[in-house]
Amino acid sequence: MNDTPSGVPGGYAPHLHEHPVPSRPVRAVGSAAARNTMRVADEFFYLAHDDQTGRPRLFESATAHGLAAALLVELYQEGRVTFEGRHVRVIDVVPPQDWLRHLVLDRLVAEPRHTATRTWLAFLGTSAYEQVATRMWQLGLLRPEQVGRWWRHRTVYVPTDMNTAAWSWARLSFQVRNYQRLNAFDVALAGLAVHTQLDSVLLDGAPLAARAFLGQQVEQAHPPLRDLLADLGAVVGGAVLSHRTS
């Protein structure tokens, strides 16, 4: 693709039309049911950050690509998209109720010429962190905090409930260390962890057999999901190599 925009990591993203996105959607109180609904991108956000401080466990590019993949997984689980080889294909254009899934689907529909999964991981990765954090903030799952000195302020999103934030990590770690079969949701979440190289932290101190079991569980994911995860692993692997040699 020769129309890659400047400033997009990885060199994969096409010249995609920007859609208007509110910089800070109005926070909704939300029902308890809405707050307790499991969303893959939210769960991965928790995995990729410390459950007390909100500090990242991964370097920025791996987190961004992981969240981009997680948003695509959400659309896949809703039956809106599928993955074939190295391409993403829209199969249902009905807008999801969730505003962020709606936004991502709109972008996919608006650019039918661009189907390479790596392209979309790179493009969505430029905004996935802020968008997922905003959605979680809306639901009261995160709160933004300013850290650093006054001339180098940055925003860190801190979990509002440490137990909620730690649950994804604790659940996956316990199940894998005890060789318990993962359900479809956790297979997807575990796949994101493995292919962003977060599994080494998740299973720190675990025997090699537990790591092998995790790999087996991820390999049993449905073929479309495995295709997405393979592209995620390739993109993150390339970013890791670039990060280490820069």
C-alpha atoms as a PDB file:
ATOM      1  CA  MET A   1       0.000   0.000   0.000  1.00  0.00           C
ATOM      2  CA  ASN A   2       1.585   3.204  -1.120  1.00  0.00           C
ATOM      3  CA  ASP A   3      -0.689   5.664   0.660  1.00  0.00           C
ATOM      4  CA  THR A   4       0.613   5.046   4.160  1.00  0.00           C
ATOM      5  CA  PRO A   5       0.197   8.204   6.243  1.00  0.00           C
ATOM      6  CA  SER A   6       3.195   9.619   7.998  1.00  0.00           C
ATOM      7  CA  GLY A   7       3.460   9.214  11.732  1.00  0.00           C
ATOM      8  CA  VAL A   8       1.744   5.812  11.886  1.00  0.00           C
ATOM      9  CA  PRO A   9       3.927   3.131  13.514  1.00  0.00           C
ATOM     10  CA  GLY A  10       4.939   0.033  11.629  1.00  0.00           C
ATOM     11  CA  GLY A  11       4.417   1.418   8.129  1.00  0.00           C
ATOM     12  CA  TYR A  12       1.295  -0.674   7.635  1.00  0.00           C
ATOM     13  CA  ALA A  13      -1.530   1.819   7.937  1.00  0.00           C
ATOM     14  CA  PRO A  14      -3.214   3.198   4.833  1.00  0.00           C
ATOM     15  CA  HIS A  15      -4.526   6.674   4.279  1.00  0.00           C
ATOM     16  CA  LEU A  16      -7.654   6.063   6.348  1.00  0.00           C
ATOM     17  CA  HIS A  17     -10.355   8.659   6.653  1.00  0.00           C
ATOM     18  CA  GLU A  18     -10.596  10.106  10.136  1.00  0.00           C
ATOM     19  CA  HIS A  19     -14.020  10.027  11.723  1.00  0.00           C
ATOM     20  CA  PRO A  20     -15.006  12.632  14.313  1.00  0.00           C
ATOM     21  CA  VAL A  21     -14.399  11.298  17.808  1.00  0.00           C
ATOM     22  CA  PRO A  22     -15.227  13.280  20.935  1.00  0.00           C
ATOM     23  CA  SER A  23     -12.042  13.932  22.870  1.00  0.00           C
ATOM     24  CA  ARG A  24     -13.830  13.074  26.076  1.00  0.00           C
ATOM     25  CA  PRO A  25     -17.315  11.572  25.745  1.00  0.00           C
ATOM     26  CA  VAL A  26     -19.649  12.534  28.532  1.00  0.00           C
ATOM     27  CA  ARG A  27     -19.307  10.104  31.381  1.00  0.00           C
ATOM     28  CA  ALA A  28     -22.371   7.934  31.824  1.00  0.00           C
ATOM     29  CA  VAL A  29     -23.335   6.631  35.214  1.00  0.00           C
ATOM     30  CA  GLY A  30     -24.175   3.242  33.717  1.00  0.00           C
ATOM     31  CA  SER A  31     -25.975   0.344  35.301  1.00  0.00           C
ATOM     32  CA  ALA A  32     -24.297  -2.305  37.407  1.00  0.00           C
ATOM     33  CA  ALA A  33     -24.927  -4.781  34.606  1.00  0.00           C
ATOM     34  CA  ALA A  34     -23.163  -2.514  32.107  1.00  0.00           C
ATOM     35  CA  ARG A  35     -20.196  -2.069  34.419  1.00  0.00           C
ATOM     36  CA  ASN A  36     -19.924  -5.816  34.970  1.00  0.00           C
ATOM     37  CA  THR A  37     -20.119  -6.777  31.298  1.00  0.00           C
ATOM     38  CA  MET A  38     -16.826  -8.315  30.273  1.00  0.00           C
ATOM     39  CA  ARG A  39     -15.144  -6.624  27.327  1.00  0.00           C
ATOM     40  CA  VAL A  40     -11.929  -8.068  25.949  1.00  0.00           C
ATOM     41  CA  ALA A  41     -10.231  -4.709  25.436  1.00  0.00           C
ATOM     42  CA  ASP A  42     -11.019  -3.629  29.007  1.00  0.00           C
ATOM     43  CA  GLU A  43      -9.720  -6.918  30.379  1.00  0.00           C
ATOM     44  CA  PHE A  44      -6.537  -6.644  28.323  1.00  0.00           C
ATOM     45  CA  PHE A  45      -6.077  -3.069  29.530  1.00  0.00           C
ATOM     46  CA  TYR A  46      -6.175  -4.407  33.081  1.00  0.00           C
ATOM     47  CA  LEU A  47      -3.688  -7.168  32.232  1.00  0.00           C
ATOM     48  CA  ALA A  48      -1.282  -4.722  30.629  1.00  0.00           C
ATOM     49  CA  HIS A  49      -1.206  -2.345  33.610  1.00  0.00           C
ATOM     50  CA  ASP A  50      -0.462  -2.605  37.302  1.00  0.00           C
ATOM     51  CA  ASP A  51      -3.703  -3.127  39.209  1.00  0.00           C
ATOM     52  CA  GLN A  52      -2.760  -0.564  41.884  1.00  0.00           C
ATOM     53  CA  THR A  53      -0.792   2.170  40.132  1.00  0.00           C
ATOM     54  CA  GLY A  54      -1.940   1.854  36.527  1.00  0.00           C
ATOM     55  CA  ARG A  55       1.695   1.797  35.380  1.00  0.00           C
ATOM     56  CA  PRO A  56       2.267  -0.195  32.159  1.00  0.00           C
ATOM     57  CA  ARG A  57       3.628  -3.742  32.213  1.00  0.00           C
ATOM     58  CA  LEU A  58       4.433  -3.574  28.490  1.00  0.00           C
ATOM     59  CA  PHE A  59       6.183  -1.039  26.335  1.00  0.00           C
ATOM     60  CA  GLU A  60       3.890   1.420  24.598  1.00  0.00           C
ATOM     61  CA  SER A  61       3.762  -0.155  21.140  1.00  0.00           C
ATOM     62  CA  ALA A  62       2.899  -3.629  22.446  1.00  0.00           C
ATOM     63  CA  THR A  63       0.097  -2.197  24.573  1.00  0.00           C
ATOM     64  CA  ALA A  64      -1.261  -0.157  21.656  1.00  0.00           C
ATOM     65  CA  HIS A  65      -1.273  -3.079  19.225  1.00  0.00           C
ATOM     66  CA  GLY A  66      -2.710  -5.406  21.865  1.00  0.00           C
ATOM     67  CA  LEU A  67      -5.593  -3.040  22.524  1.00  0.00           C
ATOM     68  CA  ALA A  68      -6.187  -2.599  18.792  1.00  0.00           C
ATOM     69  CA  ALA A  69      -6.384  -6.379  18.411  1.00  0.00           C
ATOM     70  CA  ALA A  70      -8.681  -6.601  21.432  1.00  0.00           C
ATOM     71  CA  LEU A  71     -11.133  -4.170  19.816  1.00  0.00           C
ATOM     72  CA  LEU A  72     -11.138  -6.301  16.682  1.00  0.00           C
ATOM     73  CA  VAL A  73     -11.739  -9.368  18.859  1.00  0.00           C
ATOM     74  CA  GLU A  74     -14.792  -7.639  20.354  1.00  0.00           C
ATOM     75  CA  LEU A  75     -16.221  -7.105  16.874  1.00  0.00           C
ATOM     76  CA  TYR A  76     -15.413 -10.709  15.976  1.00  0.00           C
ATOM     77  CA  GLN A  77     -17.195 -11.978  19.087  1.00  0.00           C
ATOM     78  CA  GLU A  78     -20.235  -9.893  18.141  1.00  0.00           C
ATOM     79  CA  GLY A  79     -20.258 -11.409  14.663  1.00  0.00           C
ATOM     80  CA  ARG A  80     -19.446  -8.117  12.921  1.00  0.00           C
ATOM     81  CA  VAL A  81     -16.088  -9.141  11.414  1.00  0.00           C
ATOM     82  CA  THR A  82     -14.020 -12.216  10.712  1.00  0.00           C
ATOM     83  CA  PHE A  83     -10.386 -12.846   9.806  1.00  0.00           C
ATOM     84  CA  GLU A  84      -9.253 -14.766   6.758  1.00  0.00           C
ATOM     85  CA  GLY A  85      -5.556 -15.341   6.308  1.00  0.00           C
ATOM     86  CA  ARG A  86      -3.995 -11.929   6.825  1.00  0.00           C
ATOM     87  CA  HIS A  87      -7.154  -9.932   6.178  1.00  0.00           C
ATOM     88  CA  VAL A  88     -10.124  -8.659   8.159  1.00  0.00           C
ATOM     89  CA  ARG A  89     -13.554  -8.831   6.532  1.00  0.00           C
ATOM     90  CA  VAL A  90     -16.745  -7.091   7.646  1.00  0.00           C
ATOM     91  CA  ILE A  91     -19.683  -9.516   7.654  1.00  0.00           C
ATOM     92  CA  ASP A  92     -22.343  -7.445   9.433  1.00  0.00           C
ATOM     93  CA  VAL A  93     -22.602  -3.661   9.180  1.00  0.00           C
ATOM     94  CA  VAL A  94     -25.303  -3.265  11.847  1.00  0.00           C
ATOM     95  CA  PRO A  95     -23.818  -0.752  14.324  1.00  0.00           C
ATOM     96  CA  PRO A  96     -22.990  -2.194  17.753  1.00  0.00           C
ATOM     97  CA  GLN A  97     -24.522  -0.496  20.779  1.00  0.00           C
ATOM     98  CA  ASP A  98     -21.105   0.130  22.303  1.00  0.00           C
ATOM     99  CA  TRP A  99     -19.829   3.475  20.995  1.00  0.00           C
ATOM    100  CA  LEU A 100     -16.229   2.331  20.606  1.00  0.00           C
ATOM    101  CA  ARG A 101     -17.092  -0.848  18.712  1.00  0.00           C
ATOM    102  CA  HIS A 102     -19.406   1.277  16.563  1.00  0.00           C
ATOM    103  CA  LEU A 103     -16.541   3.654  15.813  1.00  0.00           C
ATOM    104  CA  VAL A 104     -14.124   0.884  14.865  1.00  0.00           C
ATOM    105  CA  LEU A 105     -16.702  -0.847  12.664  1.00  0.00           C
ATOM    106  CA  ASP A 106     -17.499   2.450  10.918  1.00  0.00           C
ATOM    107  CA  ARG A 107     -13.829   2.871  10.057  1.00  0.00           C
ATOM    108  CA  LEU A 108     -13.601  -0.647   8.666  1.00  0.00           C
ATOM    109  CA  VAL A 109     -16.740  -0.136   6.564  1.00  0.00           C
ATOM    110  CA  ALA A 110     -15.528   3.237   5.282  1.00  0.00           C
ATOM    111  CA  GLU A 111     -12.276   1.734   3.937  1.00  0.00           C
ATOM    112  CA  PRO A 112     -13.264  -1.443   2.053  1.00  0.00           C
ATOM    113  CA  ARG A 113     -10.119  -1.272  -0.097  1.00  0.00           C
ATOM    114  CA  HIS A 114      -7.909  -1.791   2.935  1.00  0.00           C
ATOM    115  CA  THR A 115      -8.291  -5.220   4.471  1.00  0.00           C
ATOM    116  CA  ALA A 116      -4.822  -6.221   5.723  1.00  0.00           C
ATOM    117  CA  THR A 117      -5.072  -7.037   9.422  1.00  0.00           C
ATOM    118  CA  ARG A 118      -1.645  -5.580  10.168  1.00  0.00           C
ATOM    119  CA  THR A 119      -2.731  -2.347   8.545  1.00  0.00           C
ATOM    120  CA  TRP A 120      -5.663  -2.094  10.910  1.00  0.00           C
ATOM    121  CA  LEU A 121      -3.626  -3.067  13.964  1.00  0.00           C
ATOM    122  CA  ALA A 122      -1.241  -0.219  13.192  1.00  0.00           C
ATOM    123  CA  PHE A 123      -3.963   2.303  12.451  1.00  0.00           C
ATOM    124  CA  LEU A 124      -6.234   1.459  15.384  1.00  0.00           C
ATOM    125  CA  GLY A 125      -3.201   1.253  17.653  1.00  0.00           C
ATOM    126  CA  THR A 126      -2.608   4.994  17.292  1.00  0.00           C
ATOM    127  CA  SER A 127      -5.750   5.757  19.320  1.00  0.00           C
ATOM    128  CA  ALA A 128      -6.748   2.497  21.037  1.00  0.00           C
ATOM    129  CA  TYR A 129      -5.162   3.314  24.396  1.00  0.00           C
ATOM    130  CA  GLU A 130      -6.965   6.594  24.881  1.00  0.00           C
ATOM    131  CA  GLN A 131     -10.252   5.274  23.508  1.00  0.00           C
ATOM    132  CA  VAL A 132     -10.339   2.133  25.657  1.00  0.00           C
ATOM    133  CA  ALA A 133      -9.296   4.147  28.703  1.00  0.00           C
ATOM    134  CA  THR A 134     -12.081   6.638  27.962  1.00  0.00           C
ATOM    135  CA  ARG A 135     -14.673   3.888  27.729  1.00  0.00           C
ATOM    136  CA  MET A 136     -13.483   2.425  31.028  1.00  0.00           C
ATOM    137  CA  TRP A 137     -13.491   5.889  32.609  1.00  0.00           C
ATOM    138  CA  GLN A 138     -17.080   6.361  31.473  1.00  0.00           C
ATOM    139  CA  LEU A 139     -18.052   3.197  33.308  1.00  0.00           C
ATOM    140  CA  GLY A 140     -16.206   4.186  36.453  1.00  0.00           C
ATOM    141  CA  LEU A 141     -13.509   1.535  36.033  1.00  0.00           C
ATOM    142  CA  LEU A 142     -10.577   3.955  35.764  1.00  0.00           C
ATOM    143  CA  ARG A 143      -9.710   7.432  36.943  1.00  0.00           C
ATOM    144  CA  PRO A 144      -7.102   9.655  35.250  1.00  0.00           C
ATOM    145  CA  GLU A 145      -4.200  10.912  37.344  1.00  0.00           C
ATOM    146  CA  GLN A 146      -1.437  13.309  36.400  1.00  0.00           C
ATOM    147  CA  VAL A 147       2.058  12.042  37.193  1.00  0.00           C
ATOM    148  CA  GLY A 148       5.524  13.480  36.722  1.00  0.00           C
ATOM    149  CA  ARG A 149       6.922  16.938  37.226  1.00  0.00           C
ATOM    150  CA  TRP A 150       4.969  19.939  36.067  1.00  0.00           C
ATOM    151  CA  TRP A 151       6.918  20.325  32.824  1.00  0.00           C
ATOM    152  CA  ARG A 152       6.587  16.622  31.966  1.00  0.00           C
ATOM    153  CA  HIS A 153       3.077  15.772  33.057  1.00  0.00           C
ATOM    154  CA  ARG A 154       1.456  12.665  31.632  1.00  0.00           C
ATOM    155  CA  THR A 155      -1.829  10.967  32.355  1.00  0.00           C
ATOM    156  CA  VAL A 156      -1.970   7.538  33.976  1.00  0.00           C
ATOM    157  CA  TYR A 157      -5.291   5.726  34.262  1.00  0.00           C
ATOM    158  CA  VAL A 158      -5.579   4.143  37.689  1.00  0.00           C
ATOM    159  CA  PRO A 159      -8.125   1.398  38.441  1.00  0.00           C
ATOM    160  CA  THR A 160     -10.891   2.548  40.758  1.00  0.00           C
ATOM    161  CA  ASP A 161     -11.156  -0.953  42.238  1.00  0.00           C
ATOM    162  CA  MET A 162      -7.968  -2.958  42.683  1.00  0.00           C
ATOM    163  CA  ASN A 163      -9.854  -6.242  43.047  1.00  0.00           C
ATOM    164  CA  THR A 164     -11.691  -5.726  39.761  1.00  0.00           C
ATOM    165  CA  ALA A 165      -8.452  -4.787  38.025  1.00  0.00           C
ATOM    166  CA  ALA A 166      -6.614  -7.820  39.405  1.00  0.00           C
ATOM    167  CA  TRP A 167      -9.359 -10.313  38.580  1.00  0.00           C
ATOM    168  CA  SER A 168      -8.358 -10.912  34.945  1.00  0.00           C
ATOM    169  CA  TRP A 169      -4.760 -11.526  35.942  1.00  0.00           C
ATOM    170  CA  ALA A 170      -5.659 -13.743  38.893  1.00  0.00           C
ATOM    171  CA  ARG A 171      -8.217 -15.734  36.919  1.00  0.00           C
ATOM    172  CA  LEU A 172      -5.941 -16.508  33.974  1.00  0.00           C
ATOM    173  CA  SER A 173      -2.906 -17.218  36.115  1.00  0.00           C
ATOM    174  CA  PHE A 174      -4.825 -19.579  38.406  1.00  0.00           C
ATOM    175  CA  GLN A 175      -6.483 -21.478  35.575  1.00  0.00           C
ATOM    176  CA  VAL A 176      -3.281 -21.969  33.613  1.00  0.00           C
ATOM    177  CA  ARG A 177      -1.151 -22.909  36.617  1.00  0.00           C
ATOM    178  CA  ASN A 178      -3.812 -25.464  37.545  1.00  0.00           C
ATOM    179  CA  TYR A 179      -4.221 -26.737  33.982  1.00  0.00           C
ATOM    180  CA  GLN A 180      -7.879 -25.768  33.763  1.00  0.00           C
ATOM    181  CA  ARG A 181      -9.405 -25.445  30.316  1.00  0.00           C
ATOM    182  CA  LEU A 182     -10.118 -21.830  29.334  1.00  0.00           C
ATOM    183  CA  ASN A 183     -13.470 -20.694  27.987  1.00  0.00           C
ATOM    184  CA  ALA A 184     -13.688 -18.861  24.658  1.00  0.00           C
ATOM    185  CA  PHE A 185     -13.421 -15.411  26.255  1.00  0.00           C
ATOM    186  CA  ASP A 186     -10.310 -16.308  28.227  1.00  0.00           C
ATOM    187  CA  VAL A 187      -8.738 -18.072  25.242  1.00  0.00           C
ATOM    188  CA  ALA A 188      -8.947 -14.766  23.367  1.00  0.00           C
ATOM    189  CA  LEU A 189      -7.589 -12.845  26.342  1.00  0.00           C
ATOM    190  CA  ALA A 190      -4.783 -15.357  26.859  1.00  0.00           C
ATOM    191  CA  GLY A 191      -3.965 -15.161  23.155  1.00  0.00           C
ATOM    192  CA  LEU A 192      -3.574 -11.399  23.406  1.00  0.00           C
ATOM    193  CA  ALA A 193      -1.275 -11.867  26.395  1.00  0.00           C
ATOM    194  CA  VAL A 194       0.853 -14.485  24.629  1.00  0.00           C
ATOM    195  CA  HIS A 195       1.211 -12.500  21.417  1.00  0.00           C
ATOM    196  CA  THR A 196       2.131  -9.257  23.184  1.00  0.00           C
ATOM    197  CA  GLN A 197       4.735 -11.191  25.231  1.00  0.00           C
ATOM    198  CA  LEU A 198       2.851 -10.550  28.454  1.00  0.00           C
ATOM    199  CA  ASP A 199       2.679 -14.263  29.233  1.00  0.00           C
ATOM    200  CA  SER A 200       6.172 -14.287  30.738  1.00  0.00           C
ATOM    201  CA  VAL A 201       4.961 -11.881  33.419  1.00  0.00           C
ATOM    202  CA  LEU A 202       1.609 -13.619  33.811  1.00  0.00           C
ATOM    203  CA  LEU A 203       3.298 -16.964  34.458  1.00  0.00           C
ATOM    204  CA  ASP A 204       6.360 -15.735  36.294  1.00  0.00           C
ATOM    205  CA  GLY A 205       7.646 -18.620  38.417  1.00  0.00           C
ATOM    206  CA  ALA A 206       5.319 -21.176  36.829  1.00  0.00           C
ATOM    207  CA  PRO A 207       6.721 -24.495  35.554  1.00  0.00           C
ATOM    208  CA  LEU A 208       7.400 -24.983  31.863  1.00  0.00           C
ATOM    209  CA  ALA A 209       4.432 -27.345  31.708  1.00  0.00           C
ATOM    210  CA  ALA A 210       2.093 -24.460  32.579  1.00  0.00           C
ATOM    211  CA  ARG A 211       3.562 -22.342  29.790  1.00  0.00           C
ATOM    212  CA  ALA A 212       3.099 -25.221  27.368  1.00  0.00           C
ATOM    213  CA  PHE A 213      -0.496 -25.648  28.533  1.00  0.00           C
ATOM    214  CA  LEU A 214      -1.180 -21.956  27.915  1.00  0.00           C
ATOM    215  CA  GLY A 215       0.194 -22.269  24.403  1.00  0.00           C
ATOM    216  CA  GLN A 216      -1.992 -25.302  23.752  1.00  0.00           C
ATOM    217  CA  GLN A 217      -5.096 -23.459  24.914  1.00  0.00           C
ATOM    218  CA  VAL A 218      -4.379 -20.525  22.619  1.00  0.00           C
ATOM    219  CA  GLU A 219      -3.719 -22.870  19.693  1.00  0.00           C
ATOM    220  CA  GLN A 220      -7.220 -24.278  20.154  1.00  0.00           C
ATOM    221  CA  ALA A 221      -8.813 -20.902  19.383  1.00  0.00           C
ATOM    222  CA  HIS A 222     -11.052 -20.761  16.320  1.00  0.00           C
ATOM    223  CA  PRO A 223      -9.060 -20.353  13.069  1.00  0.00           C
ATOM    224  CA  PRO A 224     -10.141 -16.727  12.409  1.00  0.00           C
ATOM    225  CA  LEU A 225      -8.960 -15.708  15.876  1.00  0.00           C
ATOM    226  CA  ARG A 226      -5.683 -17.568  15.382  1.00  0.00           C
ATOM    227  CA  ASP A 227      -5.150 -15.607  12.172  1.00  0.00           C
ATOM    228  CA  LEU A 228      -5.618 -12.312  13.998  1.00  0.00           C
ATOM    229  CA  LEU A 229      -3.308 -13.361  16.825  1.00  0.00           C
ATOM    230  CA  ALA A 230      -0.608 -14.437  14.366  1.00  0.00           C
ATOM    231  CA  ASP A 231      -0.612 -10.963  12.831  1.00  0.00           C
ATOM    232  CA  LEU A 232      -0.553  -9.380  16.271  1.00  0.00           C
ATOM    233  CA  GLY A 233       2.456 -11.501  17.230  1.00  0.00           C
ATOM    234  CA  ALA A 234       4.301 -10.520  14.060  1.00  0.00           C
ATOM    235  CA  VAL A 235       3.635  -6.807  14.548  1.00  0.00           C
ATOM    236  CA  VAL A 236       4.617  -6.863  18.235  1.00  0.00           C
ATOM    237  CA  GLY A 237       7.677  -9.002  17.518  1.00  0.00           C
ATOM    238  CA  GLY A 238       8.876  -6.497  14.972  1.00  0.00           C
ATOM    239  CA  ALA A 239       8.242  -3.637  17.366  1.00  0.00           C
ATOM    240  CA  VAL A 240      10.154  -5.430  20.149  1.00  0.00           C
ATOM    241  CA  LEU A 241      13.149  -5.943  17.872  1.00  0.00           C
ATOM    242  CA  SER A 242      13.064  -2.286  16.843  1.00  0.00           C
ATOM    243  CA  HIS A 243      12.684  -1.228  20.493  1.00  0.00           C
ATOM    244  CA  ARG A 244      15.730  -3.270  21.550  1.00  0.00           C
ATOM    245  CA  THR A 245      17.989  -2.110  18.734  1.00  0.00           C
ATOM    246  CA  SER A 246      17.025   1.569  18.794  1.00  0.00           C
END
